[in-house]
Protein backbone atom coordinates (compact mmCIF):
# COMPACT_ATOMS: atom_id res chain seq x y z
CA MET A 1 -11.26 114.92 219.63
CA ASP A 2 -13.02 112.54 217.24
CA ASN A 3 -14.04 112.79 213.60
CA ASN A 4 -17.59 113.74 214.54
CA SER A 5 -16.31 117.02 215.98
CA TYR A 6 -15.30 118.26 212.52
CA PHE A 7 -16.57 118.45 208.99
CA ARG A 8 -14.53 118.40 205.83
CA ILE A 9 -14.03 121.48 203.64
CA ARG A 10 -12.27 122.25 200.38
CA LEU A 11 -9.77 125.08 200.37
CA SER A 12 -11.29 126.17 197.06
CA THR A 13 -14.05 127.73 199.18
CA ILE A 14 -11.50 130.01 200.89
CA ARG A 15 -10.68 133.16 198.92
CA PRO A 16 -7.02 134.21 199.06
CA ASP A 17 -6.22 137.17 201.33
CA LYS A 18 -9.69 137.25 202.84
CA VAL A 19 -9.74 137.15 206.65
CA THR A 20 -11.34 133.96 207.98
CA THR A 21 -14.09 133.95 210.59
CA PHE A 22 -13.44 130.37 211.77
CA ASN A 23 -10.49 128.11 212.54
CA ILE A 24 -9.31 125.66 209.88
CA TYR A 25 -7.67 122.41 210.93
CA ILE A 26 -5.51 119.97 209.01
CA LEU A 27 -5.72 116.20 209.53
CA ILE A 28 -2.32 114.49 209.83
CA ASP A 29 -1.96 110.84 210.88
CA GLY A 30 -5.42 110.81 212.39
CA LYS A 31 -4.96 113.96 214.47
CA TYR A 32 -6.34 117.47 213.93
CA TYR A 33 -3.94 120.40 214.09
CA LEU A 34 -4.83 124.10 213.89
CA TYR A 35 -3.82 125.28 210.43
CA LEU A 36 -5.38 128.73 210.15
CA LYS A 37 -6.86 130.61 213.09
CA ILE A 38 -9.73 133.09 213.09
CA GLY A 39 -8.65 136.45 211.73
CA ASP A 40 -5.80 135.08 209.60
CA ARG A 41 -5.62 134.83 205.83
CA ILE A 42 -3.83 132.67 203.28
CA SER A 43 -1.76 134.35 200.59
CA ASN A 44 -2.72 133.86 196.95
CA GLY A 45 0.45 131.94 196.11
CA LYS A 46 0.14 129.56 199.03
CA ILE A 47 -3.52 128.81 198.52
CA GLU A 48 -2.96 128.04 194.83
CA THR A 49 -0.32 125.49 195.79
CA LEU A 50 -2.55 123.97 198.45
CA HIS A 51 -5.57 123.84 196.10
CA ASN A 52 -3.57 121.68 193.72
CA ARG A 53 -2.76 119.24 196.53
CA ASP A 54 -6.16 119.28 198.21
CA THR A 55 -7.83 115.91 197.63
CA GLY A 56 -10.74 116.78 199.89
CA ASP A 57 -9.39 114.67 202.75
CA SER A 58 -7.17 117.10 204.64
CA PHE A 59 -8.87 120.30 205.82
CA PHE A 60 -11.59 120.58 208.43
CA VAL A 61 -13.71 123.03 210.42
CA ARG A 62 -15.21 122.32 213.82
CA THR A 63 -18.85 121.29 213.63
CA SER A 64 -19.60 123.97 216.22
CA ASP A 65 -18.45 126.55 213.63
CA LYS A 66 -20.70 125.24 210.85
CA GLU A 67 -22.95 128.32 210.91
CA LEU A 68 -19.90 130.58 210.69
CA TYR A 69 -18.76 128.64 207.64
CA ARG A 70 -22.20 128.87 206.05
CA ALA A 71 -22.30 132.61 206.72
CA TRP A 72 -18.91 132.87 205.01
CA VAL A 73 -20.29 131.10 201.93
CA ARG A 74 -23.41 133.31 201.86
CA GLU A 75 -21.22 136.40 202.03
CA GLU A 76 -19.22 135.11 199.06
CA MET A 77 -22.43 134.50 197.13
CA ASN A 78 -23.31 138.18 197.59
CA SER A 79 -19.84 139.45 196.74
CA ASN A 80 -19.39 141.67 193.68
CA GLN A 81 -15.72 140.65 193.50
CA LEU A 82 -16.45 137.13 192.24
CA THR A 83 -17.68 135.89 188.87
CA PRO A 84 -20.73 133.60 188.66
CA GLU A 85 -18.37 130.71 187.86
CA GLN A 86 -16.32 131.39 191.00
CA LYS A 87 -19.48 131.62 193.08
CA ALA A 88 -20.77 128.36 191.61
CA LYS A 89 -17.54 126.62 192.57
CA ILE A 90 -17.64 127.90 196.14
CA LEU A 91 -21.33 127.01 196.53
CA ARG A 92 -20.90 123.50 195.17
CA GLU A 93 -17.73 122.68 197.07
CA SER A 94 -19.13 124.01 200.34
CA SER A 95 -22.34 122.03 199.82
CA ILE A 96 -20.42 118.80 199.18
CA ALA A 97 -18.50 119.36 202.41
CA ILE A 98 -21.64 119.90 204.47
CA MET A 99 -23.52 117.06 202.75
CA GLU A 100 -20.86 114.55 203.64
CA ASP A 101 -21.53 115.41 207.26
CA LEU A 102 -25.30 115.18 206.72
CA PHE A 103 -25.16 111.72 205.21
CA GLU A 104 -23.28 110.45 208.25
CA VAL A 105 -25.69 111.95 210.80
CA PRO A 106 -27.85 109.19 212.38
CA ASP A 107 -30.77 111.61 212.90
CA VAL A 108 -32.28 111.96 209.44
CA HIS A 109 -34.73 114.61 210.64
CA GLN A 110 -31.80 116.76 211.76
CA ALA A 111 -30.06 116.08 208.44
CA LEU A 112 -33.11 117.27 206.52
CA ASP A 113 -33.28 120.43 208.62
CA ASP A 114 -29.58 121.07 208.08
CA ALA A 115 -29.98 120.53 204.33
CA LYS A 116 -32.65 123.22 203.94
CA PRO A 117 -30.11 126.09 203.74
CA ILE A 118 -28.21 124.20 201.02
CA VAL A 119 -31.34 123.87 198.89
CA ALA A 120 -32.29 127.50 199.54
CA ASP A 121 -28.80 128.65 198.50
CA PHE A 122 -29.03 126.72 195.23
CA ILE A 123 -32.47 128.09 194.42
CA ASP A 124 -31.31 131.64 195.11
CA PHE A 125 -28.19 131.16 192.99
CA MET A 126 -30.16 129.67 190.10
CA GLU A 127 -32.57 132.62 190.23
CA SER A 128 -29.81 135.24 190.28
CA HIS A 129 -27.43 133.45 187.87
CA PRO A 130 -29.59 131.17 185.68
CA GLU A 131 -26.85 131.02 183.07
CA SER A 132 -24.45 129.47 185.59
CA MET A 133 -26.28 126.25 186.46
CA HIS A 134 -23.94 124.22 184.27
CA PHE A 135 -20.95 125.43 186.30
CA MET A 136 -22.32 123.71 189.40
CA LEU A 137 -22.67 120.43 187.53
CA SER A 138 -19.13 120.33 186.18
CA LEU A 139 -17.02 121.25 189.18
CA SER A 140 -16.67 118.00 191.08
CA GLY A 141 -13.09 117.97 192.31
CA HIS A 142 -13.05 114.89 194.50
CA ASP A 143 -14.32 111.36 194.59
CA PHE A 144 -17.24 111.43 197.03
CA TYR A 145 -19.52 109.77 194.48
CA THR A 146 -22.55 109.40 196.79
CA TYR A 147 -22.53 113.07 197.72
CA ASN A 148 -21.76 114.30 194.22
CA HIS A 149 -24.53 112.19 192.73
CA SER A 150 -27.16 113.26 195.26
CA LEU A 151 -26.20 116.89 194.82
CA ASP A 152 -26.27 116.67 191.03
CA VAL A 153 -29.66 114.94 191.05
CA SER A 154 -30.98 117.72 193.27
CA ILE A 155 -29.60 120.47 191.00
CA TYR A 156 -31.10 118.87 187.88
CA ALA A 157 -34.39 118.35 189.74
CA LEU A 158 -34.53 122.02 190.75
CA GLY A 159 -33.88 123.04 187.15
CA LEU A 160 -36.63 120.71 185.94
CA GLY A 161 -39.02 121.90 188.64
CA ALA A 162 -38.41 125.51 187.63
CA VAL A 163 -39.19 124.71 183.98
CA LEU A 164 -42.39 122.96 185.13
CA GLY A 165 -43.43 126.16 186.92
CA TYR A 166 -43.07 125.11 190.56
CA ASP A 167 -43.14 127.93 193.09
CA LYS A 168 -40.27 128.49 195.52
CA LYS A 169 -41.83 126.58 198.41
CA THR A 170 -42.44 123.55 196.19
CA LEU A 171 -38.91 123.80 194.80
CA GLU A 172 -37.49 123.78 198.33
CA GLU A 173 -39.41 120.58 199.10
CA LEU A 174 -38.38 119.05 195.76
CA GLY A 175 -34.76 119.96 196.48
CA LEU A 176 -34.87 118.10 199.79
CA GLY A 177 -36.66 115.10 198.33
CA SER A 178 -34.16 114.74 195.49
CA LEU A 179 -31.19 115.36 197.80
CA PHE A 180 -32.26 112.47 200.03
CA HIS A 181 -33.76 110.20 197.38
CA ASP A 182 -31.18 107.49 198.11
CA VAL A 183 -31.31 107.76 201.91
CA GLY A 184 -32.32 104.08 202.01
CA LYS A 185 -28.85 103.11 200.82
CA ARG A 186 -27.76 103.68 204.42
CA ASN A 187 -29.14 100.18 205.05
CA VAL A 188 -27.48 98.49 202.05
CA SER A 189 -24.11 96.79 202.46
CA LEU A 190 -21.11 98.91 201.47
CA ASP A 191 -19.75 95.90 199.60
CA ILE A 192 -22.76 96.11 197.30
CA LEU A 193 -22.78 99.90 197.02
CA CYS A 194 -19.08 100.03 196.18
CA LYS A 195 -18.85 96.94 193.99
CA LYS A 196 -17.04 97.49 190.71
CA GLY A 197 -19.02 95.83 187.97
CA PRO A 198 -22.52 94.33 187.73
CA LEU A 199 -24.38 92.94 190.73
CA ASP A 200 -25.46 89.30 190.92
CA ASP A 201 -29.13 88.44 191.48
CA ALA A 202 -28.90 88.37 195.28
CA GLU A 203 -26.98 91.64 195.39
CA TRP A 204 -29.43 93.28 193.01
CA ALA A 205 -32.36 92.16 195.18
CA GLN A 206 -30.68 93.79 198.15
CA MET A 207 -29.92 96.96 196.21
CA LYS A 208 -33.56 97.26 195.12
CA MET A 209 -34.57 97.29 198.77
CA HIS A 210 -33.10 100.79 199.19
CA ALA A 211 -36.38 102.36 198.05
CA THR A 212 -38.30 100.54 200.79
CA TYR A 213 -35.57 101.24 203.32
CA GLY A 214 -35.80 104.92 202.41
CA LEU A 215 -39.52 104.99 203.21
CA GLN A 216 -38.94 103.14 206.47
CA ILE A 217 -36.24 105.61 207.54
CA LEU A 218 -38.30 108.67 206.65
CA ASN A 219 -41.43 107.25 208.31
CA GLN A 220 -39.57 107.42 211.63
CA HIS A 221 -39.82 111.21 211.40
CA PRO A 222 -43.45 112.46 211.49
CA ASP A 223 -42.62 115.94 210.16
CA VAL A 224 -41.24 114.64 206.85
CA SER A 225 -43.75 115.32 204.06
CA ASP A 226 -45.36 112.65 201.92
CA ALA A 227 -43.76 114.23 198.85
CA ILE A 228 -40.23 113.76 200.25
CA LYS A 229 -41.10 110.19 201.21
CA ALA A 230 -42.41 109.55 197.70
CA ALA A 231 -39.17 110.80 196.14
CA ALA A 232 -37.31 108.12 198.10
CA PHE A 233 -39.86 105.31 197.78
CA GLU A 234 -41.11 105.73 194.20
CA HIS A 235 -38.16 107.02 192.16
CA HIS A 236 -37.57 103.59 190.60
CA GLU A 237 -41.19 103.17 189.52
CA SER A 238 -41.79 103.21 185.77
CA TRP A 239 -44.32 105.23 183.78
CA GLU A 240 -45.42 101.96 182.12
CA GLY A 241 -45.75 100.14 185.44
CA ASN A 242 -42.78 97.75 185.35
CA GLY A 243 -40.64 99.48 187.98
CA TYR A 244 -40.20 98.75 191.67
CA PRO A 245 -41.11 98.32 194.49
CA GLN A 246 -44.88 98.71 193.84
CA GLN A 247 -45.22 98.47 190.04
CA ILE A 248 -47.46 101.53 190.02
CA ARG A 249 -47.72 103.49 186.78
CA GLY A 250 -48.36 106.85 185.16
CA GLN A 251 -50.02 109.51 187.30
CA GLU A 252 -50.06 107.12 190.27
CA ILE A 253 -46.36 107.95 190.71
CA HIS A 254 -45.79 111.13 192.68
CA PRO A 255 -44.48 114.03 190.53
CA PHE A 256 -41.35 114.35 192.70
CA ALA A 257 -40.56 110.68 192.12
CA ARG A 258 -41.09 111.11 188.36
CA ILE A 259 -38.64 114.02 188.38
CA VAL A 260 -36.04 112.10 190.39
CA ALA A 261 -36.42 109.07 188.11
CA LEU A 262 -35.35 111.26 185.19
CA THR A 263 -32.57 113.19 186.88
CA ASP A 264 -31.18 110.14 188.68
CA THR A 265 -30.87 108.17 185.44
CA TYR A 266 -29.46 111.07 183.48
CA ASP A 267 -26.78 111.83 186.06
CA ALA A 268 -25.81 108.15 186.32
CA MET A 269 -25.44 107.95 182.53
CA THR A 270 -23.30 111.08 182.23
CA THR A 271 -21.06 110.63 185.31
CA GLN A 272 -17.68 108.94 185.32
CA ARG A 273 -17.70 105.90 187.57
CA SER A 274 -15.26 103.09 188.14
CA TYR A 275 -17.19 100.58 186.04
CA ASN A 276 -18.44 102.63 183.10
CA LYS A 277 -17.58 105.51 180.82
CA PRO A 278 -19.87 108.54 180.86
CA MET A 279 -22.17 109.22 177.94
CA SER A 280 -22.39 112.66 176.39
CA PRO A 281 -25.45 114.70 177.44
CA LEU A 282 -26.92 114.38 173.95
CA ASP A 283 -26.37 110.61 173.76
CA ALA A 284 -27.83 110.09 177.23
CA LEU A 285 -30.95 112.11 176.49
CA THR A 286 -31.36 110.42 173.10
CA MET A 287 -31.23 106.98 174.74
CA MET A 288 -33.75 108.06 177.37
CA LYS A 289 -36.11 109.38 174.68
CA GLU A 290 -35.74 106.52 172.20
CA LYS A 291 -34.94 103.36 174.18
CA LEU A 292 -36.04 104.12 177.74
CA ALA A 293 -38.97 106.45 177.12
CA GLY A 294 -41.49 104.06 178.67
CA ARG A 295 -39.93 104.62 182.06
CA TYR A 296 -40.61 108.34 182.27
CA ASP A 297 -43.40 110.88 182.27
CA PRO A 298 -43.35 112.03 178.62
CA GLU A 299 -44.05 115.68 179.46
CA MET A 300 -41.27 115.75 182.03
CA LEU A 301 -38.91 114.13 179.53
CA LYS A 302 -39.64 117.01 177.14
CA ALA A 303 -39.08 119.51 179.94
CA MET A 304 -35.76 117.84 180.77
CA HIS A 305 -34.68 118.46 177.20
CA SER A 306 -35.48 122.14 177.75
CA VAL A 307 -33.31 122.24 180.91
CA LEU A 308 -30.36 120.65 179.12
CA PHE A 309 -30.77 122.85 176.07
CA LYS A 310 -30.55 125.95 178.25
CA MET A 311 -27.44 124.60 179.98
CA ARG A 312 -25.84 123.74 176.67
CA ALA A 313 -26.62 127.18 175.28
CA ALA A 314 -25.07 128.79 178.37
């Protein structure tokens, strides 16, 4: 059995004393061992202890049982025994687990198809529990920065799209575009992606190529929409025309890319990373409005303020 036969889960997505519908495995010294078989349950006391020790690297489900796991999550989302905060935690943690698998899949078209249920689940949750959006953005319990960042950017983008009046079909496409906006980083050296501290000129030139790489990757799949491609290719363009890679400006930039430009920057500013301290939401938005305003669509920047105000109020 190899790593590709399994995907990672967090035990926080497993409710104590509820019978499981799939096997759960534990990874010890590179080998997978059956930990909990179908039809069993974990007691409340035991699962609390395990939650505290779960770093996100230990528990797995077979890839062949992915749909069973997703059905489990959907059932929890419809449960009247859980609070919105508990549902938000399960939804986020389960999405992170599945996304890690998606980002490793060589077939990007398959990854996009597999991501559609994640986006649909988030849209449904935001519609039924609009006051709980902030829960999903504050529950990161492990250090998969790439997956956390992409997920957060997508959640913010969906919130912004909703404020801008996008219909559900457009939101689903926006969710996918924002979720995969950094797909081009697959072709950037890990040494550059994981470097602690500023990049030198050569490294920065390579990093900037991720937008072009993203377009190249998505162009290999004819069913991927132009809007999703634009989110990957144009999200570092600037409203004033001094971005990259094309130096286009204003309305020439696709709306999805303008949304991702905002949400990508905001999440980077407010997220703890190894080489910087996070800014407060208010400080980040103030800097974007006062010092970086030329980079963004001014109407979308106002709408972003509305999204964050609603979250803060909640």
